[in-house]
Structures are given as C-alpha cells and as structure tokens.
Protein backbone atom coordinates (compact mmCIF):
# COMPACT_ATOMS: atom_id res chain seq x y z
CA UNK A 1 23.65 8.49 17.63
CA UNK A 2 22.75 5.51 16.56
CA UNK A 3 19.64 3.97 17.88
CA UNK A 4 20.84 -0.28 18.81
CA UNK A 5 17.78 -2.15 18.47
CA UNK A 6 19.74 -4.94 20.02
CA UNK A 7 20.63 -3.35 22.70
CA UNK A 8 17.11 -2.65 23.25
CA UNK A 9 15.31 -5.74 22.81
CA UNK A 10 18.01 -7.62 24.79
CA UNK A 11 17.21 -5.34 27.84
CA UNK A 12 13.38 -6.06 27.33
CA UNK A 13 13.77 -9.53 26.60
CA UNK A 14 15.98 -10.10 30.04
CA UNK A 15 12.74 -7.78 31.61
CA UNK A 16 10.10 -9.93 30.21
CA UNK A 17 11.96 -13.13 31.62
CA UNK A 18 12.53 -11.71 34.45
CA UNK A 19 8.90 -10.79 34.76
CA UNK A 20 7.73 -14.13 33.61
CA UNK A 21 9.58 -15.90 36.06
CA UNK A 22 6.62 -16.04 38.65
CA UNK A 23 3.77 -16.89 36.53
CA UNK A 24 3.90 -20.87 36.75
CA UNK A 25 2.98 -19.94 40.28
CA UNK A 26 1.12 -17.35 39.70
CA UNK A 27 -0.84 -18.28 36.79
CA UNK A 28 -0.28 -21.98 36.98
CA UNK A 29 1.81 -21.57 33.38
CA UNK A 30 3.61 -19.48 31.19
CA UNK A 31 2.06 -17.90 28.15
CA UNK A 32 2.11 -19.97 24.86
CA UNK A 33 2.91 -18.76 21.48
CA UNK A 34 1.53 -21.45 18.13
CA UNK A 35 3.64 -20.42 15.24
CA UNK A 36 2.03 -21.45 11.71
CA UNK A 37 4.77 -21.88 8.67
CA UNK A 38 3.45 -22.73 5.30
CA UNK A 39 6.02 -23.98 2.52
CA UNK A 40 9.84 -23.62 2.28
CA UNK A 41 10.32 -20.41 2.11
CA UNK A 42 14.22 -19.62 3.01
CA UNK A 43 13.56 -15.71 4.62
CA UNK A 44 10.17 -17.06 6.67
CA UNK A 45 12.24 -20.50 7.92
CA UNK A 46 15.34 -17.29 9.43
CA UNK A 47 12.19 -15.23 10.86
CA UNK A 48 10.13 -18.31 12.46
CA UNK A 49 13.88 -19.87 13.71
CA UNK A 50 14.13 -16.37 15.69
CA UNK A 51 10.97 -15.98 17.20
CA UNK A 52 11.54 -19.49 18.74
CA UNK A 53 14.45 -18.41 19.55
CA UNK A 54 13.11 -15.09 21.56
CA UNK A 55 10.43 -17.16 23.21
CA UNK A 56 13.14 -19.20 24.69
CA UNK A 57 14.69 -16.46 25.73
CA UNK A 58 11.85 -14.76 27.04
CA UNK A 59 10.39 -17.75 28.88
CA UNK A 60 7.84 -18.43 26.43
CA UNK A 61 6.41 -21.82 25.01
CA UNK A 62 7.07 -21.79 21.54
CA UNK A 63 5.59 -24.18 19.31
CA UNK A 64 5.88 -23.92 15.73
CA UNK A 65 3.90 -25.59 13.16
CA UNK A 66 5.37 -26.22 9.69
CA UNK A 67 3.62 -27.29 6.60
CA UNK A 68 4.28 -28.17 2.90
CA UNK A 69 2.97 -25.70 0.66
CA UNK A 70 0.80 -27.93 -1.03
CA UNK A 71 -1.63 -27.10 2.49
CA UNK A 72 -4.83 -26.05 1.46
CA UNK A 73 -6.96 -22.53 2.83
CA UNK A 74 -9.29 -24.92 4.42
CA UNK A 75 -7.10 -27.34 6.02
CA UNK A 76 -5.19 -24.44 6.86
CA UNK A 77 -8.53 -22.58 8.52
CA UNK A 78 -9.53 -25.61 10.19
CA UNK A 79 -6.39 -25.27 11.89
CA UNK A 80 -6.36 -21.88 13.22
CA UNK A 81 -10.20 -22.53 14.71
CA UNK A 82 -8.52 -25.16 16.31
CA UNK A 83 -5.97 -23.30 17.87
CA UNK A 84 -8.65 -20.76 18.46
CA UNK A 85 -10.52 -22.94 20.41
CA UNK A 86 -7.32 -24.02 22.33
CA UNK A 87 -7.68 -22.13 25.89
CA UNK A 88 -3.72 -23.23 26.13
CA UNK A 89 -3.26 -21.51 23.29
CA UNK A 90 -2.58 -17.64 23.74
CA UNK A 91 -1.00 -16.62 20.79
CA UNK A 92 -1.04 -17.01 16.81
CA UNK A 93 0.91 -15.91 14.23
CA UNK A 94 0.73 -17.03 10.26
CA UNK A 95 4.41 -16.39 8.68
CA UNK A 96 3.82 -14.45 5.95
CA UNK A 97 3.79 -14.75 2.76
CA UNK A 98 1.53 -17.90 2.17
CA UNK A 99 1.62 -19.56 -0.97
CA UNK A 100 -0.47 -17.94 -3.77
CA UNK A 101 -3.53 -20.06 -3.40
CA UNK A 102 -4.16 -19.72 0.29
CA UNK A 103 -5.75 -15.81 1.00
CA UNK A 104 -4.19 -14.08 3.16
CA UNK A 105 -6.66 -11.88 4.10
CA UNK A 106 -9.11 -14.82 4.92
CA UNK A 107 -6.59 -16.00 7.00
CA UNK A 108 -5.98 -13.13 9.09
CA UNK A 109 -9.42 -12.24 9.99
CA UNK A 110 -9.80 -16.09 10.79
CA UNK A 111 -7.52 -15.91 13.89
CA UNK A 112 -9.22 -14.64 17.43
CA UNK A 113 -8.48 -11.13 17.57
CA UNK A 114 -7.49 -12.00 21.20
CA UNK A 115 -4.81 -14.22 19.69
CA UNK A 116 -3.79 -12.22 16.92
CA UNK A 117 -0.07 -11.20 18.49
CA UNK A 118 0.40 -9.63 14.85
CA UNK A 119 -2.24 -6.96 15.46
CA UNK A 120 -2.93 -7.79 11.83
CA UNK A 121 -6.63 -8.56 12.55
CA UNK A 122 -9.53 -5.93 11.11
CA UNK A 123 -10.92 -5.71 14.13
CA UNK A 124 -7.21 -4.59 15.68
CA UNK A 125 -6.98 -2.72 12.93
CA UNK A 126 -10.24 -0.75 13.46
CA UNK A 127 -9.49 -0.39 17.23
CA UNK A 128 -6.31 0.94 16.52
CA UNK A 129 -7.79 3.51 14.27
CA UNK A 130 -10.34 4.45 17.16
CA UNK A 131 -7.99 4.77 19.82
CA UNK A 132 -9.26 1.53 21.64
CA UNK A 133 -7.49 -1.00 23.19
CA UNK A 134 -6.13 -3.38 21.16
CA UNK A 135 -3.33 -5.65 20.04
CA UNK A 136 -0.37 -3.13 18.65
CA UNK A 137 1.89 -4.28 15.40
CA UNK A 138 4.92 -5.39 16.40
CA UNK A 139 7.35 -3.45 13.91
CA UNK A 140 5.62 -0.19 14.70
CA UNK A 141 5.62 -0.60 18.45
CA UNK A 142 9.02 -1.35 18.06
CA UNK A 143 9.84 2.22 16.09
CA UNK A 144 7.81 3.86 18.85
CA UNK A 145 9.97 2.29 21.87
CA UNK A 146 13.09 3.04 20.09
CA UNK A 147 12.28 6.57 19.94
CA UNK A 148 11.21 7.04 23.28
CA UNK A 149 14.57 4.90 24.18
CA UNK A 150 16.77 7.77 22.64
CA UNK A 151 14.95 10.62 24.08
CA UNK A 152 12.99 11.97 20.83
CA UNK A 153 10.71 14.29 21.17
CA UNK A 154 7.77 13.35 19.30
CA UNK A 155 4.96 15.41 20.01
CA UNK A 156 4.58 18.87 17.98
CA UNK A 157 7.34 17.33 15.47
CA UNK A 158 6.60 17.45 11.72
CA UNK A 159 6.88 13.09 10.50
CA UNK A 160 7.18 11.74 7.53
CA UNK A 161 6.41 8.31 7.12
CA UNK A 162 7.94 6.71 3.97
CA UNK A 163 5.49 3.72 2.63
CA UNK A 164 2.02 2.65 3.33
CA UNK A 165 2.03 -0.85 3.85
CA UNK A 166 -0.46 -2.20 6.10
CA UNK A 167 2.14 -3.43 8.19
CA UNK A 168 4.27 -0.89 9.03
CA UNK A 169 3.75 2.55 7.45
CA UNK A 170 -0.19 3.05 8.03
CA UNK A 171 -0.20 1.71 11.70
CA UNK A 172 3.34 4.27 12.44
CA UNK A 173 2.09 6.76 10.97
CA UNK A 174 -1.30 6.23 13.21
CA UNK A 175 1.00 6.19 16.45
CA UNK A 176 2.74 9.04 15.91
CA UNK A 177 -0.21 10.95 14.80
CA UNK A 178 -1.43 9.91 18.40
CA UNK A 179 2.06 11.25 19.78
CA UNK A 180 0.75 14.34 18.03
CA UNK A 181 3.21 14.37 15.07
CA UNK A 182 2.26 16.07 12.17
CA UNK A 183 2.66 13.34 10.10
CA UNK A 184 2.78 13.37 6.00
CA UNK A 185 2.99 9.49 4.74
CA UNK A 186 4.26 9.17 1.05
CA UNK A 187 4.40 6.51 -1.46
CA UNK A 188 5.27 5.69 -5.26
CA UNK A 189 2.66 8.85 -6.71
CA UNK A 190 4.36 11.34 -3.99
CA UNK A 191 5.36 14.80 -6.34
CA UNK A 192 8.31 16.30 -5.46
CA UNK A 193 9.56 13.34 -2.54
CA UNK A 194 13.38 14.59 -1.89
CA UNK A 195 11.61 17.98 -1.00
CA UNK A 196 8.77 16.40 1.63
CA UNK A 197 10.84 14.13 2.92
CA UNK A 198 13.72 16.78 3.86
CA UNK A 199 11.24 18.42 5.90
CA UNK A 200 11.07 16.16 8.18
CA UNK A 201 12.13 15.79 11.82
CA UNK A 202 11.13 12.30 11.89
CA UNK A 203 11.77 10.19 9.05
CA UNK A 204 10.83 6.46 9.34
CA UNK A 205 11.19 4.65 6.27
CA UNK A 206 9.97 1.30 4.75
CA UNK A 207 9.53 1.12 1.06
CA UNK A 208 12.30 -2.43 0.72
CA UNK A 209 14.06 -0.13 -1.75
CA UNK A 210 17.68 -1.00 -0.92
CA UNK A 211 19.23 2.76 -0.16
CA UNK A 212 16.61 4.61 -1.64
CA UNK A 213 16.39 7.25 0.92
CA UNK A 214 19.83 9.64 0.09
CA UNK A 215 21.25 12.47 1.88
CA UNK A 216 20.09 15.54 -0.14
CA UNK A 217 16.31 13.94 0.85
CA UNK A 218 17.22 14.52 4.78
CA UNK A 219 17.49 17.45 6.41
CA UNK A 220 20.05 18.21 9.34
CA UNK A 221 19.75 16.84 12.72
CA UNK A 222 16.70 14.71 11.38
CA UNK A 223 15.73 11.69 13.11
CA UNK A 224 15.67 8.95 11.06
CA UNK A 225 14.33 5.29 11.36
CA UNK A 226 14.81 3.02 8.41
CA UNK A 227 12.72 -0.02 8.36
CA UNK A 228 14.25 -1.89 5.16
CA UNK A 229 15.57 -4.94 4.98
CA UNK A 230 17.49 -5.41 1.63
CA UNK A 231 20.02 -7.73 0.90
CA UNK A 232 22.77 -5.70 -1.84
CA UNK A 233 23.21 -7.47 -4.64
CA UNK A 234 27.53 -6.46 -5.21
CA UNK A 235 28.63 -7.38 -1.67
CA UNK A 236 26.05 -9.52 -0.57
CA UNK A 237 25.61 -8.20 3.00
CA UNK A 238 22.29 -6.62 4.68
CA UNK A 239 21.38 -3.25 4.22
CA UNK A 240 18.33 -0.75 4.54
CA UNK A 241 16.12 1.68 2.50
CA UNK A 242 18.46 4.51 3.55
CA UNK A 243 22.32 5.09 2.70
CA UNK A 244 23.76 5.29 5.86
CA UNK A 245 27.10 6.19 5.55
CA UNK A 246 25.87 9.36 4.22
CA UNK A 247 22.90 10.03 6.27
CA UNK A 248 24.26 9.45 9.18
CA UNK A 249 26.47 12.67 9.21
CA UNK A 250 23.39 14.62 8.78
CA UNK A 251 21.07 12.63 10.85
CA UNK A 252 20.94 13.60 14.85
CA UNK A 253 19.23 9.91 15.33
CA UNK A 254 19.51 7.17 12.90
CA UNK A 255 19.03 3.35 13.03
CA UNK A 256 21.23 0.76 11.96
CA UNK A 257 20.57 -1.74 9.21
CA UNK A 258 21.30 -4.33 10.34
CA UNK A 259 20.69 -4.39 14.44
CA UNK A 260 17.78 -1.56 14.37
CA UNK A 261 14.54 -2.55 13.98
CA UNK A 262 14.18 -6.11 13.23
CA UNK A 263 15.04 -6.85 16.95
CA UNK A 264 12.79 -4.98 18.05
CA UNK A 265 9.85 -6.53 15.90
CA UNK A 266 10.42 -10.03 17.40
CA UNK A 267 10.93 -8.66 20.89
CA UNK A 268 7.39 -6.52 20.64
CA UNK A 269 5.76 -9.91 19.59
CA UNK A 270 7.23 -11.28 22.88
CA UNK A 271 5.57 -8.53 24.66
CA UNK A 272 2.14 -8.92 22.93
CA UNK A 273 1.91 -12.63 23.57
CA UNK A 274 2.25 -11.80 27.08
CA UNK A 275 -0.43 -8.67 26.47
CA UNK A 276 -2.82 -11.81 24.87
CA UNK A 277 -2.08 -14.11 27.71
CA UNK A 278 -2.90 -11.63 30.33
CA UNK A 279 -5.69 -9.88 28.60
CA UNK A 280 -7.17 -13.67 28.44
CA UNK A 281 -6.07 -14.34 32.28
CA UNK A 282 -7.88 -10.96 33.27
CA UNK A 283 -11.00 -11.99 31.12
CA UNK A 284 -11.69 -15.59 31.94
CA UNK A 285 -11.16 -13.90 36.43
CA UNK A 286 -13.64 -11.47 35.59
CA UNK A 287 -16.39 -14.19 34.18
CA UNK A 288 -16.07 -16.79 37.16
C-alpha cells in the first residue's frame, strides 16, 4: 500500500476550506499567516510559494514579507516583534535556513509561542515533551496523520526513527511514543544500523541522504515513511532517503517521494494556523 500524502492533503484542505467559509460571519475575519523570507535561496522561494498557494486553497489570508540577504538580525527581530504585537496576525513563520549572519535559535525564540505555527519555539518543544497543549511541528504531525489514514496500528509496535533533528526526528519519536509505540532513535553513530532498522515494524527515515536505506535494512511487512527530499544526481529527479523501488516490494505500507510527506507538511501548517487563530480567539473571549 502506497500512502499518498498528496491525496490526503487535498482531502484535508477541502475540509478546512469548507470549515473556513463560516469564519468571516462567526469571527469577523479568517486566519492570517505571515511568512518571512530572507535572501534568494531557490528552494526557500519554492517552499514559500507552496505555502501561499495552500493558503489560498484553504481560505487563509497569506502575507509574504521578502527581504534581501543583507537584512540584519536586529531588523528581523524588530519585524517579528511588530508581528507579535499585531492582533490581525495569527501565525508567523520564518523560512529556514537563514543567512549565516542571523542566529536561527534567537529568531525562533523571538516568535510568540502562540503564533509559532512551525512548533519550533522552545516553550512549544517543552510542552510537547511534557504532554501539554502545544503547537505540534508540521512534518511529524503529518506523518501521524498518514499512519492513521492508512489504518496503521501504532500502539505496541517497534518503531525506529532514523534521524535526530529537532524538526523531524525527535518530535516524531515523541509522537510515536505518545501513541504507545516502543521507539528507537538511530543516527550516524548507531552501531549495526541495518540490524536495528530491520527490527522495525514502523520505520521513519529523515536523514537527507538519497536512497540510503536499502531493501536489506527493512523487514518484510514493515511500514516505511520516507521524509527525505533529495535530487538524484544521475537523473535530476527528486528521490527520498529510501530505495523506494526495491523496498516497496517488501513493505506493507510505504510513502513515496515526491507526493508523500511533503504535501502533508504544508497542509498541517494550514491546520496549525487555524488552531493558532482559534486559540487566540478563545483566550480573548475568556479575558473579556
């Protein structure tokens, strides 16, 4: 079974678009997402364009603020401060990576945790690990949605996460743990890696190395989620971190690249923006 993130994403966006039709009458406006893009990285421009298109499809107001690569850290922090204090803005996203002269950690921490649609703010990260209400990072959130859509039973399963990034590896490990999987996190220093991954009933791969996971590293009937997006140097086409053609014959469920986790990440960003909007509305109503 191939999990189509593209199809699930379209379904979720249609549901959100229908839901948002009532927002202007009910709340006086629709959610507003502001995306900040610094510099001229082609991949970042492509990602930001995709977020704007998804916003339009769902019915979310999208504002993209573009600045040259020379934009200073202090200028960026000042811009974020203004957006934090702007009641018409519900979600703030700073497109990563940033130019080297800007401290990403400082920038992420400067975003109001209530408008942090990426779920990267230290207080949202802490809340995730403490099982408190938080904004869940988009890619891990999308992965769980895909597993649920495919009818994958997570509880009691042996799950292996290959990659330990703050954006994907660590949060998806926590979400799987919260769903009662037994989780192992692997990385570059893992000994006998193939032996560990072959023991997985659910394998999530997010290491950024094209076709790194081969068929001998996957057990028969495993569920394989490929988060990687790489460019095949020989063909110029996009490919994932797993050898899809050979592993698909062994796996019970597998996600493709492209058309797998990628579309779900943007869709869950839309969902996070709506959740931030509603959370802020509820807090305001409680105050008055």
